[in-house]
């Protein structure tokens, strides 16, 4: 564990006022007995590089949200496997030799799926084609899914997700969001903008798509969650993903490796969960 002088961290993005990361990280470092300061700052993509250059040696790292994840991937001197596959970095470790980039959204989502009992699924459906959908495809593969169906309003926009099939060793099938051919799957990950209303398509999906994890956590229940409720299915918001990706970020900032558990990690996770529920 790092026990040296006080370190600084922050979450950057645009917008950023809504972020719950300061509360989560403060709870984690408090449980670890680390006097670390974690704040927030509004930074847009055009100013990311210059803002990083302003950071002095007291800075340990950054949590990054949109629109900075791709810029951070370009700025990092090294990427972990999930950041390399997705081209997105949400965890920027300011290490000796240059910044190192990690994508803990993937692991956070995989852990969230495990938490609701989705383990070794045969097939998972992903709704969306953006950066979060890319992380969702990789997370689905991490859980053991052999088939991942991606549904997007514009299937051509999801072509990069289809290209993940070979490196992940899975089948990725890209179809239109309203494609009438619906096969049952073990779970669905919605990576769509908050409040997206798919109308009757949502009801069709809910009937054959297993439990839903909707990565948004504001404005709950979302129209998708309501469709799942009408079908008698389970719907889960994105808070578990937020919690677990933050825990993996703490692993990076403390021990420089998202795969190595923290000391007293059970206590740390409990403190973070309490902080999240209390928000």
C-alpha atoms as a PDB file:
ATOM      1  CA  UNK A   1       0.000   0.000   0.000  1.00  0.00           C
ATOM      2  CA  UNK A   2       1.158   3.544  -0.645  1.00  0.00           C
ATOM      3  CA  UNK A   3       1.746   5.307   2.662  1.00  0.00           C
ATOM      4  CA  UNK A   4       3.777   8.348   1.583  1.00  0.00           C
ATOM      5  CA  UNK A   5       2.731  11.995   1.433  1.00  0.00           C
ATOM      6  CA  UNK A   6      -0.773  13.081   0.578  1.00  0.00           C
ATOM      7  CA  UNK A   7      -1.655  12.458  -3.057  1.00  0.00           C
ATOM      8  CA  UNK A   8      -4.192  14.123  -5.328  1.00  0.00           C
ATOM      9  CA  UNK A   9      -6.677  12.535  -7.717  1.00  0.00           C
ATOM     10  CA  UNK A  10      -9.776  13.738  -9.538  1.00  0.00           C
ATOM     11  CA  UNK A  11     -12.464  12.849 -12.018  1.00  0.00           C
ATOM     12  CA  UNK A  12     -12.424  14.885 -15.225  1.00  0.00           C
ATOM     13  CA  UNK A  13     -15.039  15.202 -17.938  1.00  0.00           C
ATOM     14  CA  UNK A  14     -17.604  17.500 -19.501  1.00  0.00           C
ATOM     15  CA  UNK A  15     -20.171  17.628 -17.959  1.00  0.00           C
ATOM     16  CA  UNK A  16     -18.864  16.557 -14.557  1.00  0.00           C
ATOM     17  CA  UNK A  17     -21.075  18.057 -11.820  1.00  0.00           C
ATOM     18  CA  UNK A  18     -23.229  14.916 -11.677  1.00  0.00           C
ATOM     19  CA  UNK A  19     -20.314  12.536 -11.013  1.00  0.00           C
ATOM     20  CA  UNK A  20     -20.508  10.336  -7.923  1.00  0.00           C
ATOM     21  CA  UNK A  21     -16.845   9.380  -8.164  1.00  0.00           C
ATOM     22  CA  UNK A  22     -15.642  11.815  -5.442  1.00  0.00           C
ATOM     23  CA  UNK A  23     -17.976  10.229  -2.905  1.00  0.00           C
ATOM     24  CA  UNK A  24     -16.978   6.674  -3.904  1.00  0.00           C
ATOM     25  CA  UNK A  25     -13.249   7.324  -3.885  1.00  0.00           C
ATOM     26  CA  UNK A  26     -13.312   9.308  -0.634  1.00  0.00           C
ATOM     27  CA  UNK A  27     -15.005   6.338   1.043  1.00  0.00           C
ATOM     28  CA  UNK A  28     -12.379   3.949  -0.334  1.00  0.00           C
ATOM     29  CA  UNK A  29      -9.332   5.953   0.744  1.00  0.00           C
ATOM     30  CA  UNK A  30     -10.904   6.601   4.138  1.00  0.00           C
ATOM     31  CA  UNK A  31     -11.356   2.854   4.645  1.00  0.00           C
ATOM     32  CA  UNK A  32      -7.732   2.315   3.622  1.00  0.00           C
ATOM     33  CA  UNK A  33      -6.448   5.001   5.982  1.00  0.00           C
ATOM     34  CA  UNK A  34      -5.019   7.079   3.130  1.00  0.00           C
ATOM     35  CA  UNK A  35      -5.149  10.864   3.391  1.00  0.00           C
ATOM     36  CA  UNK A  36      -5.692  11.332  -0.335  1.00  0.00           C
ATOM     37  CA  UNK A  37      -7.638  14.184  -1.888  1.00  0.00           C
ATOM     38  CA  UNK A  38     -10.061  13.324  -4.711  1.00  0.00           C
ATOM     39  CA  UNK A  39     -11.880  16.130  -6.521  1.00  0.00           C
ATOM     40  CA  UNK A  40     -13.553  16.881  -9.816  1.00  0.00           C
ATOM     41  CA  UNK A  41     -12.827  19.226 -12.703  1.00  0.00           C
ATOM     42  CA  UNK A  42     -14.644  20.115 -15.875  1.00  0.00           C
ATOM     43  CA  UNK A  43     -12.252  19.471 -18.762  1.00  0.00           C
ATOM     44  CA  UNK A  44     -13.182  19.159 -22.431  1.00  0.00           C
ATOM     45  CA  UNK A  45     -11.303  17.150 -25.049  1.00  0.00           C
ATOM     46  CA  UNK A  46      -9.590  20.167 -26.605  1.00  0.00           C
ATOM     47  CA  UNK A  47      -7.989  21.111 -23.282  1.00  0.00           C
ATOM     48  CA  UNK A  48      -7.174  17.622 -21.983  1.00  0.00           C
ATOM     49  CA  UNK A  49      -3.502  17.501 -23.009  1.00  0.00           C
ATOM     50  CA  UNK A  50      -2.682  20.951 -21.630  1.00  0.00           C
ATOM     51  CA  UNK A  51      -4.537  20.210 -18.383  1.00  0.00           C
ATOM     52  CA  UNK A  52      -2.498  17.035 -17.884  1.00  0.00           C
ATOM     53  CA  UNK A  53       0.714  18.978 -18.428  1.00  0.00           C
ATOM     54  CA  UNK A  54      -0.230  21.271 -15.526  1.00  0.00           C
ATOM     55  CA  UNK A  55      -0.250  18.389 -13.015  1.00  0.00           C
ATOM     56  CA  UNK A  56       2.705  18.190 -10.645  1.00  0.00           C
ATOM     57  CA  UNK A  57       4.286  15.232  -8.845  1.00  0.00           C
ATOM     58  CA  UNK A  58       1.693  15.181  -6.072  1.00  0.00           C
ATOM     59  CA  UNK A  59      -0.903  13.895  -8.570  1.00  0.00           C
ATOM     60  CA  UNK A  60      -1.464  10.121  -8.580  1.00  0.00           C
ATOM     61  CA  UNK A  61      -4.090   9.760 -11.283  1.00  0.00           C
ATOM     62  CA  UNK A  62      -7.375  10.648 -12.934  1.00  0.00           C
ATOM     63  CA  UNK A  63     -10.744   9.039 -13.435  1.00  0.00           C
ATOM     64  CA  UNK A  64     -12.063  10.017 -16.846  1.00  0.00           C
ATOM     65  CA  UNK A  65     -15.530  10.225 -18.267  1.00  0.00           C
ATOM     66  CA  UNK A  66     -16.760  11.387 -21.645  1.00  0.00           C
ATOM     67  CA  UNK A  67     -15.535  13.018 -23.789  1.00  0.00           C
ATOM     68  CA  UNK A  68     -12.003  12.274 -22.588  1.00  0.00           C
ATOM     69  CA  UNK A  69     -11.687   8.485 -22.821  1.00  0.00           C
ATOM     70  CA  UNK A  70     -10.327   8.335 -26.361  1.00  0.00           C
ATOM     71  CA  UNK A  71      -7.985  11.299 -25.854  1.00  0.00           C
ATOM     72  CA  UNK A  72      -6.578   9.595 -22.763  1.00  0.00           C
ATOM     73  CA  UNK A  73      -5.998   6.388 -24.721  1.00  0.00           C
ATOM     74  CA  UNK A  74      -3.956   8.364 -27.241  1.00  0.00           C
ATOM     75  CA  UNK A  75      -1.962  10.113 -24.500  1.00  0.00           C
ATOM     76  CA  UNK A  76      -1.077   7.005 -22.461  1.00  0.00           C
ATOM     77  CA  UNK A  77       2.347   5.406 -22.887  1.00  0.00           C
ATOM     78  CA  UNK A  78       0.816   1.984 -22.238  1.00  0.00           C
ATOM     79  CA  UNK A  79      -2.658   0.452 -22.230  1.00  0.00           C
ATOM     80  CA  UNK A  80      -4.081  -2.548 -20.433  1.00  0.00           C
ATOM     81  CA  UNK A  81      -5.822  -5.188 -22.560  1.00  0.00           C
ATOM     82  CA  UNK A  82      -9.308  -3.758 -22.076  1.00  0.00           C
ATOM     83  CA  UNK A  83      -8.207  -0.223 -22.942  1.00  0.00           C
ATOM     84  CA  UNK A  84      -6.403  -1.514 -26.017  1.00  0.00           C
ATOM     85  CA  UNK A  85      -9.421  -3.486 -27.233  1.00  0.00           C
ATOM     86  CA  UNK A  86     -11.895  -0.663 -26.686  1.00  0.00           C
ATOM     87  CA  UNK A  87      -9.644   2.287 -27.516  1.00  0.00           C
ATOM     88  CA  UNK A  88     -10.961   3.955 -24.353  1.00  0.00           C
ATOM     89  CA  UNK A  89      -9.319   4.852 -21.043  1.00  0.00           C
ATOM     90  CA  UNK A  90     -11.288   5.751 -17.931  1.00  0.00           C
ATOM     91  CA  UNK A  91      -8.361   5.364 -15.500  1.00  0.00           C
ATOM     92  CA  UNK A  92      -5.200   7.404 -16.035  1.00  0.00           C
ATOM     93  CA  UNK A  93      -2.344   6.433 -13.744  1.00  0.00           C
ATOM     94  CA  UNK A  94       0.363   9.093 -13.513  1.00  0.00           C
ATOM     95  CA  UNK A  95       3.289   6.735 -13.103  1.00  0.00           C
ATOM     96  CA  UNK A  96       7.036   7.006 -13.492  1.00  0.00           C
ATOM     97  CA  UNK A  97       7.825   6.773 -17.194  1.00  0.00           C
ATOM     98  CA  UNK A  98       4.552   8.330 -18.307  1.00  0.00           C
ATOM     99  CA  UNK A  99       0.796   7.918 -17.896  1.00  0.00           C
ATOM    100  CA  UNK A 100      -0.642   4.413 -18.078  1.00  0.00           C
ATOM    101  CA  UNK A 101      -4.169   3.844 -19.323  1.00  0.00           C
ATOM    102  CA  UNK A 102      -6.754   1.347 -18.071  1.00  0.00           C
ATOM    103  CA  UNK A 103     -10.400   0.663 -18.877  1.00  0.00           C
ATOM    104  CA  UNK A 104     -12.112  -0.500 -15.686  1.00  0.00           C
ATOM    105  CA  UNK A 105     -15.580  -0.082 -17.212  1.00  0.00           C
ATOM    106  CA  UNK A 106     -15.143  -3.557 -18.707  1.00  0.00           C
ATOM    107  CA  UNK A 107     -14.271  -5.247 -15.440  1.00  0.00           C
ATOM    108  CA  UNK A 108     -16.851  -3.205 -13.556  1.00  0.00           C
ATOM    109  CA  UNK A 109     -19.618  -4.335 -15.883  1.00  0.00           C
ATOM    110  CA  UNK A 110     -18.473  -7.960 -15.783  1.00  0.00           C
ATOM    111  CA  UNK A 111     -18.557  -7.851 -11.972  1.00  0.00           C
ATOM    112  CA  UNK A 112     -22.006  -6.233 -12.058  1.00  0.00           C
ATOM    113  CA  UNK A 113     -23.284  -9.070 -14.250  1.00  0.00           C
ATOM    114  CA  UNK A 114     -21.817 -11.616 -11.856  1.00  0.00           C
ATOM    115  CA  UNK A 115     -23.513  -9.837  -8.947  1.00  0.00           C
ATOM    116  CA  UNK A 116     -26.954 -10.433 -10.477  1.00  0.00           C
ATOM    117  CA  UNK A 117     -26.171 -14.071 -11.255  1.00  0.00           C
ATOM    118  CA  UNK A 118     -25.150 -13.832 -14.924  1.00  0.00           C
ATOM    119  CA  UNK A 119     -22.269 -16.293 -15.045  1.00  0.00           C
ATOM    120  CA  UNK A 120     -20.996 -18.242 -18.054  1.00  0.00           C
ATOM    121  CA  UNK A 121     -23.907 -17.110 -20.263  1.00  0.00           C
ATOM    122  CA  UNK A 122     -24.375 -18.645 -23.677  1.00  0.00           C
ATOM    123  CA  UNK A 123     -25.479 -15.401 -25.318  1.00  0.00           C
ATOM    124  CA  UNK A 124     -25.718 -11.724 -24.357  1.00  0.00           C
ATOM    125  CA  UNK A 125     -27.463  -8.927 -26.221  1.00  0.00           C
ATOM    126  CA  UNK A 126     -25.920  -5.426 -26.298  1.00  0.00           C
ATOM    127  CA  UNK A 127     -28.019  -2.407 -27.267  1.00  0.00           C
ATOM    128  CA  UNK A 128     -26.057   0.513 -28.698  1.00  0.00           C
ATOM    129  CA  UNK A 129     -22.991   1.225 -30.805  1.00  0.00           C
ATOM    130  CA  UNK A 130     -20.941   3.810 -28.895  1.00  0.00           C
ATOM    131  CA  UNK A 131     -17.948   3.652 -26.567  1.00  0.00           C
ATOM    132  CA  UNK A 132     -19.930   2.136 -23.700  1.00  0.00           C
ATOM    133  CA  UNK A 133     -21.339  -0.516 -26.019  1.00  0.00           C
ATOM    134  CA  UNK A 134     -17.772  -1.426 -26.981  1.00  0.00           C
ATOM    135  CA  UNK A 135     -16.912  -1.954 -23.311  1.00  0.00           C
ATOM    136  CA  UNK A 136     -20.128  -3.960 -22.954  1.00  0.00           C
ATOM    137  CA  UNK A 137     -19.108  -6.332 -25.752  1.00  0.00           C
ATOM    138  CA  UNK A 138     -15.723  -6.940 -24.132  1.00  0.00           C
ATOM    139  CA  UNK A 139     -17.366  -7.402 -20.718  1.00  0.00           C
ATOM    140  CA  UNK A 140     -19.817  -9.908 -22.185  1.00  0.00           C
ATOM    141  CA  UNK A 141     -16.907 -11.899 -23.559  1.00  0.00           C
ATOM    142  CA  UNK A 142     -15.167 -11.703 -20.165  1.00  0.00           C
ATOM    143  CA  UNK A 143     -18.201 -13.337 -18.546  1.00  0.00           C
ATOM    144  CA  UNK A 144     -17.853 -16.288 -20.934  1.00  0.00           C
ATOM    145  CA  UNK A 145     -20.543 -15.490 -23.506  1.00  0.00           C
ATOM    146  CA  UNK A 146     -19.893 -17.279 -26.783  1.00  0.00           C
ATOM    147  CA  UNK A 147     -22.408 -15.237 -28.791  1.00  0.00           C
ATOM    148  CA  UNK A 148     -22.896 -11.488 -28.481  1.00  0.00           C
ATOM    149  CA  UNK A 149     -25.656  -9.847 -30.459  1.00  0.00           C
ATOM    150  CA  UNK A 150     -25.260  -6.098 -30.971  1.00  0.00           C
ATOM    151  CA  UNK A 151     -28.374  -4.139 -31.885  1.00  0.00           C
ATOM    152  CA  UNK A 152     -27.953  -0.580 -33.143  1.00  0.00           C
ATOM    153  CA  UNK A 153     -30.117   1.991 -34.895  1.00  0.00           C
ATOM    154  CA  UNK A 154     -27.436   2.148 -37.587  1.00  0.00           C
ATOM    155  CA  UNK A 155     -25.740  -1.254 -37.846  1.00  0.00           C
ATOM    156  CA  UNK A 156     -22.946   0.258 -39.924  1.00  0.00           C
ATOM    157  CA  UNK A 157     -21.955   2.365 -36.889  1.00  0.00           C
ATOM    158  CA  UNK A 158     -21.516  -0.841 -34.907  1.00  0.00           C
ATOM    159  CA  UNK A 159     -19.063  -2.389 -37.386  1.00  0.00           C
ATOM    160  CA  UNK A 160     -16.083  -1.799 -35.034  1.00  0.00           C
ATOM    161  CA  UNK A 161     -17.877  -3.879 -32.409  1.00  0.00           C
ATOM    162  CA  UNK A 162     -18.240  -6.721 -34.884  1.00  0.00           C
ATOM    163  CA  UNK A 163     -14.503  -6.530 -35.504  1.00  0.00           C
ATOM    164  CA  UNK A 164     -13.912  -7.503 -31.857  1.00  0.00           C
ATOM    165  CA  UNK A 165     -15.030 -11.067 -32.580  1.00  0.00           C
ATOM    166  CA  UNK A 166     -11.626 -12.430 -33.552  1.00  0.00           C
ATOM    167  CA  UNK A 167      -9.520 -10.873 -30.773  1.00  0.00           C
ATOM    168  CA  UNK A 168     -12.111 -11.905 -28.190  1.00  0.00           C
ATOM    169  CA  UNK A 169     -12.643 -15.387 -29.622  1.00  0.00           C
ATOM    170  CA  UNK A 170     -16.427 -15.031 -29.724  1.00  0.00           C
ATOM    171  CA  UNK A 171     -19.192 -14.602 -32.291  1.00  0.00           C
ATOM    172  CA  UNK A 172     -20.416 -11.012 -32.583  1.00  0.00           C
ATOM    173  CA  UNK A 173     -23.557 -10.534 -34.653  1.00  0.00           C
ATOM    174  CA  UNK A 174     -24.558  -6.968 -35.544  1.00  0.00           C
ATOM    175  CA  UNK A 175     -28.175  -6.292 -36.516  1.00  0.00           C
ATOM    176  CA  UNK A 176     -30.608  -3.397 -36.668  1.00  0.00           C
ATOM    177  CA  UNK A 177     -32.205  -2.399 -33.386  1.00  0.00           C
ATOM    178  CA  UNK A 178     -35.670  -3.242 -34.708  1.00  0.00           C
ATOM    179  CA  UNK A 179     -34.702  -6.461 -36.522  1.00  0.00           C
ATOM    180  CA  UNK A 180     -37.781  -8.710 -36.155  1.00  0.00           C
ATOM    181  CA  UNK A 181     -35.746 -11.893 -35.701  1.00  0.00           C
ATOM    182  CA  UNK A 182     -35.336 -12.242 -31.959  1.00  0.00           C
ATOM    183  CA  UNK A 183     -33.528 -15.159 -30.363  1.00  0.00           C
ATOM    184  CA  UNK A 184     -33.532 -15.710 -26.588  1.00  0.00           C
ATOM    185  CA  UNK A 185     -30.409 -14.563 -24.737  1.00  0.00           C
ATOM    186  CA  UNK A 186     -29.239 -14.928 -21.143  1.00  0.00           C
ATOM    187  CA  UNK A 187     -28.901 -11.200 -20.430  1.00  0.00           C
ATOM    188  CA  UNK A 188     -29.115  -7.782 -22.068  1.00  0.00           C
ATOM    189  CA  UNK A 189     -26.817  -4.803 -21.593  1.00  0.00           C
ATOM    190  CA  UNK A 190     -28.288  -1.457 -22.633  1.00  0.00           C
ATOM    191  CA  UNK A 191     -25.630   1.102 -23.546  1.00  0.00           C
ATOM    192  CA  UNK A 192     -28.008   3.723 -24.887  1.00  0.00           C
ATOM    193  CA  UNK A 193     -28.378   7.390 -23.879  1.00  0.00           C
ATOM    194  CA  UNK A 194     -30.451   7.844 -20.743  1.00  0.00           C
ATOM    195  CA  UNK A 195     -34.155   8.149 -21.399  1.00  0.00           C
ATOM    196  CA  UNK A 196     -34.056   6.402 -24.781  1.00  0.00           C
ATOM    197  CA  UNK A 197     -37.554   5.134 -25.567  1.00  0.00           C
ATOM    198  CA  UNK A 198     -37.692   2.285 -28.069  1.00  0.00           C
ATOM    199  CA  UNK A 199     -41.467   2.006 -27.974  1.00  0.00           C
ATOM    200  CA  UNK A 200     -42.829  -1.399 -28.936  1.00  0.00           C
ATOM    201  CA  UNK A 201     -39.337  -2.656 -29.773  1.00  0.00           C
ATOM    202  CA  UNK A 202     -38.501  -2.557 -26.063  1.00  0.00           C
ATOM    203  CA  UNK A 203     -41.454  -4.810 -25.233  1.00  0.00           C
ATOM    204  CA  UNK A 204     -40.412  -7.272 -27.917  1.00  0.00           C
ATOM    205  CA  UNK A 205     -36.852  -7.338 -26.576  1.00  0.00           C
ATOM    206  CA  UNK A 206     -37.923  -7.700 -22.963  1.00  0.00           C
ATOM    207  CA  UNK A 207     -39.863 -10.873 -23.695  1.00  0.00           C
ATOM    208  CA  UNK A 208     -36.800 -12.917 -24.746  1.00  0.00           C
ATOM    209  CA  UNK A 209     -33.758 -11.108 -23.432  1.00  0.00           C
ATOM    210  CA  UNK A 210     -33.077 -12.236 -19.853  1.00  0.00           C
ATOM    211  CA  UNK A 211     -32.258  -9.746 -17.082  1.00  0.00           C
ATOM    212  CA  UNK A 212     -31.436  -6.197 -18.145  1.00  0.00           C
ATOM    213  CA  UNK A 213     -28.484  -4.117 -17.029  1.00  0.00           C
ATOM    214  CA  UNK A 214     -29.090  -0.547 -18.152  1.00  0.00           C
ATOM    215  CA  UNK A 215     -25.814   1.340 -17.687  1.00  0.00           C
ATOM    216  CA  UNK A 216     -27.560   4.623 -16.849  1.00  0.00           C
ATOM    217  CA  UNK A 217     -28.425   5.391 -13.229  1.00  0.00           C
ATOM    218  CA  UNK A 218     -30.286   8.683 -13.491  1.00  0.00           C
ATOM    219  CA  UNK A 219     -33.979   8.979 -14.256  1.00  0.00           C
ATOM    220  CA  UNK A 220     -34.737   5.464 -13.044  1.00  0.00           C
ATOM    221  CA  UNK A 221     -36.724   3.531 -14.063  1.00  0.00           C
ATOM    222  CA  UNK A 222     -35.825   4.141 -17.683  1.00  0.00           C
ATOM    223  CA  UNK A 223     -38.302   3.325 -20.466  1.00  0.00           C
ATOM    224  CA  UNK A 224     -36.343   0.115 -21.061  1.00  0.00           C
ATOM    225  CA  UNK A 225     -36.565  -0.855 -17.400  1.00  0.00           C
ATOM    226  CA  UNK A 226     -40.315  -0.229 -17.513  1.00  0.00           C
ATOM    227  CA  UNK A 227     -40.625  -2.534 -20.526  1.00  0.00           C
ATOM    228  CA  UNK A 228     -38.764  -5.269 -18.633  1.00  0.00           C
ATOM    229  CA  UNK A 229     -41.096  -4.779 -15.670  1.00  0.00           C
ATOM    230  CA  UNK A 230     -44.135  -5.180 -17.910  1.00  0.00           C
ATOM    231  CA  UNK A 231     -42.675  -8.463 -19.161  1.00  0.00           C
ATOM    232  CA  UNK A 232     -42.075  -9.664 -15.610  1.00  0.00           C
ATOM    233  CA  UNK A 233     -38.310  -9.533 -16.009  1.00  0.00           C
ATOM    234  CA  UNK A 234     -35.451  -8.175 -13.924  1.00  0.00           C
ATOM    235  CA  UNK A 235     -34.052  -4.715 -14.638  1.00  0.00           C
ATOM    236  CA  UNK A 236     -30.941  -3.320 -12.959  1.00  0.00           C
ATOM    237  CA  UNK A 237     -29.523   0.192 -13.172  1.00  0.00           C
ATOM    238  CA  UNK A 238     -25.890   1.090 -13.735  1.00  0.00           C
ATOM    239  CA  UNK A 239     -24.984   1.709 -10.094  1.00  0.00           C
ATOM    240  CA  UNK A 240     -23.352  -1.712  -9.637  1.00  0.00           C
ATOM    241  CA  UNK A 241     -21.184  -1.097 -12.691  1.00  0.00           C
ATOM    242  CA  UNK A 242     -20.278   2.354 -11.331  1.00  0.00           C
ATOM    243  CA  UNK A 243     -19.358   0.851  -7.972  1.00  0.00           C
ATOM    244  CA  UNK A 244     -17.218  -1.958  -9.311  1.00  0.00           C
ATOM    245  CA  UNK A 245     -15.390   0.087 -11.938  1.00  0.00           C
ATOM    246  CA  UNK A 246     -14.517   2.555  -9.174  1.00  0.00           C
ATOM    247  CA  UNK A 247     -13.194  -0.249  -6.968  1.00  0.00           C
ATOM    248  CA  UNK A 248     -10.952  -1.390  -9.817  1.00  0.00           C
ATOM    249  CA  UNK A 249      -9.780   2.216 -10.243  1.00  0.00           C
ATOM    250  CA  UNK A 250      -8.820   2.290  -6.576  1.00  0.00           C
ATOM    251  CA  UNK A 251      -6.811  -0.899  -7.141  1.00  0.00           C
ATOM    252  CA  UNK A 252      -4.956   0.883  -9.949  1.00  0.00           C
ATOM    253  CA  UNK A 253      -4.279   4.065  -7.982  1.00  0.00           C
ATOM    254  CA  UNK A 254      -3.152   2.173  -4.872  1.00  0.00           C
ATOM    255  CA  UNK A 255      -1.405  -0.888  -6.284  1.00  0.00           C
ATOM    256  CA  UNK A 256      -1.049  -0.110 -10.005  1.00  0.00           C
ATOM    257  CA  UNK A 257      -2.857  -3.293 -11.050  1.00  0.00           C
ATOM    258  CA  UNK A 258      -6.643  -3.765 -11.427  1.00  0.00           C
ATOM    259  CA  UNK A 259      -6.229  -7.529 -10.991  1.00  0.00           C
ATOM    260  CA  UNK A 260      -4.675  -7.354  -7.503  1.00  0.00           C
ATOM    261  CA  UNK A 261      -7.129  -7.047  -4.620  1.00  0.00           C
ATOM    262  CA  UNK A 262      -6.708  -4.341  -2.012  1.00  0.00           C
ATOM    263  CA  UNK A 263      -5.916  -4.969   1.614  1.00  0.00           C
ATOM    264  CA  UNK A 264      -9.236  -5.237   3.464  1.00  0.00           C
ATOM    265  CA  UNK A 265     -11.023  -5.034   0.117  1.00  0.00           C
ATOM    266  CA  UNK A 266     -14.273  -6.366   1.570  1.00  0.00           C
ATOM    267  CA  UNK A 267     -14.333  -3.421   3.993  1.00  0.00           C
ATOM    268  CA  UNK A 268     -13.418  -0.987   1.242  1.00  0.00           C
ATOM    269  CA  UNK A 269     -16.182  -2.216  -1.053  1.00  0.00           C
ATOM    270  CA  UNK A 270     -18.709  -2.045   1.785  1.00  0.00           C
ATOM    271  CA  UNK A 271     -17.727   1.558   2.539  1.00  0.00           C
ATOM    272  CA  UNK A 272     -18.043   2.483  -1.137  1.00  0.00           C
ATOM    273  CA  UNK A 273     -21.421   0.769  -1.417  1.00  0.00           C
ATOM    274  CA  UNK A 274     -22.707   2.665   1.632  1.00  0.00           C
ATOM    275  CA  UNK A 275     -21.459   5.941   0.150  1.00  0.00           C
ATOM    276  CA  UNK A 276     -23.171   5.181  -3.141  1.00  0.00           C
ATOM    277  CA  UNK A 277     -26.514   4.312  -1.564  1.00  0.00           C
ATOM    278  CA  UNK A 278     -26.329   7.430   0.558  1.00  0.00           C
ATOM    279  CA  UNK A 279     -25.911   9.689  -2.460  1.00  0.00           C
END
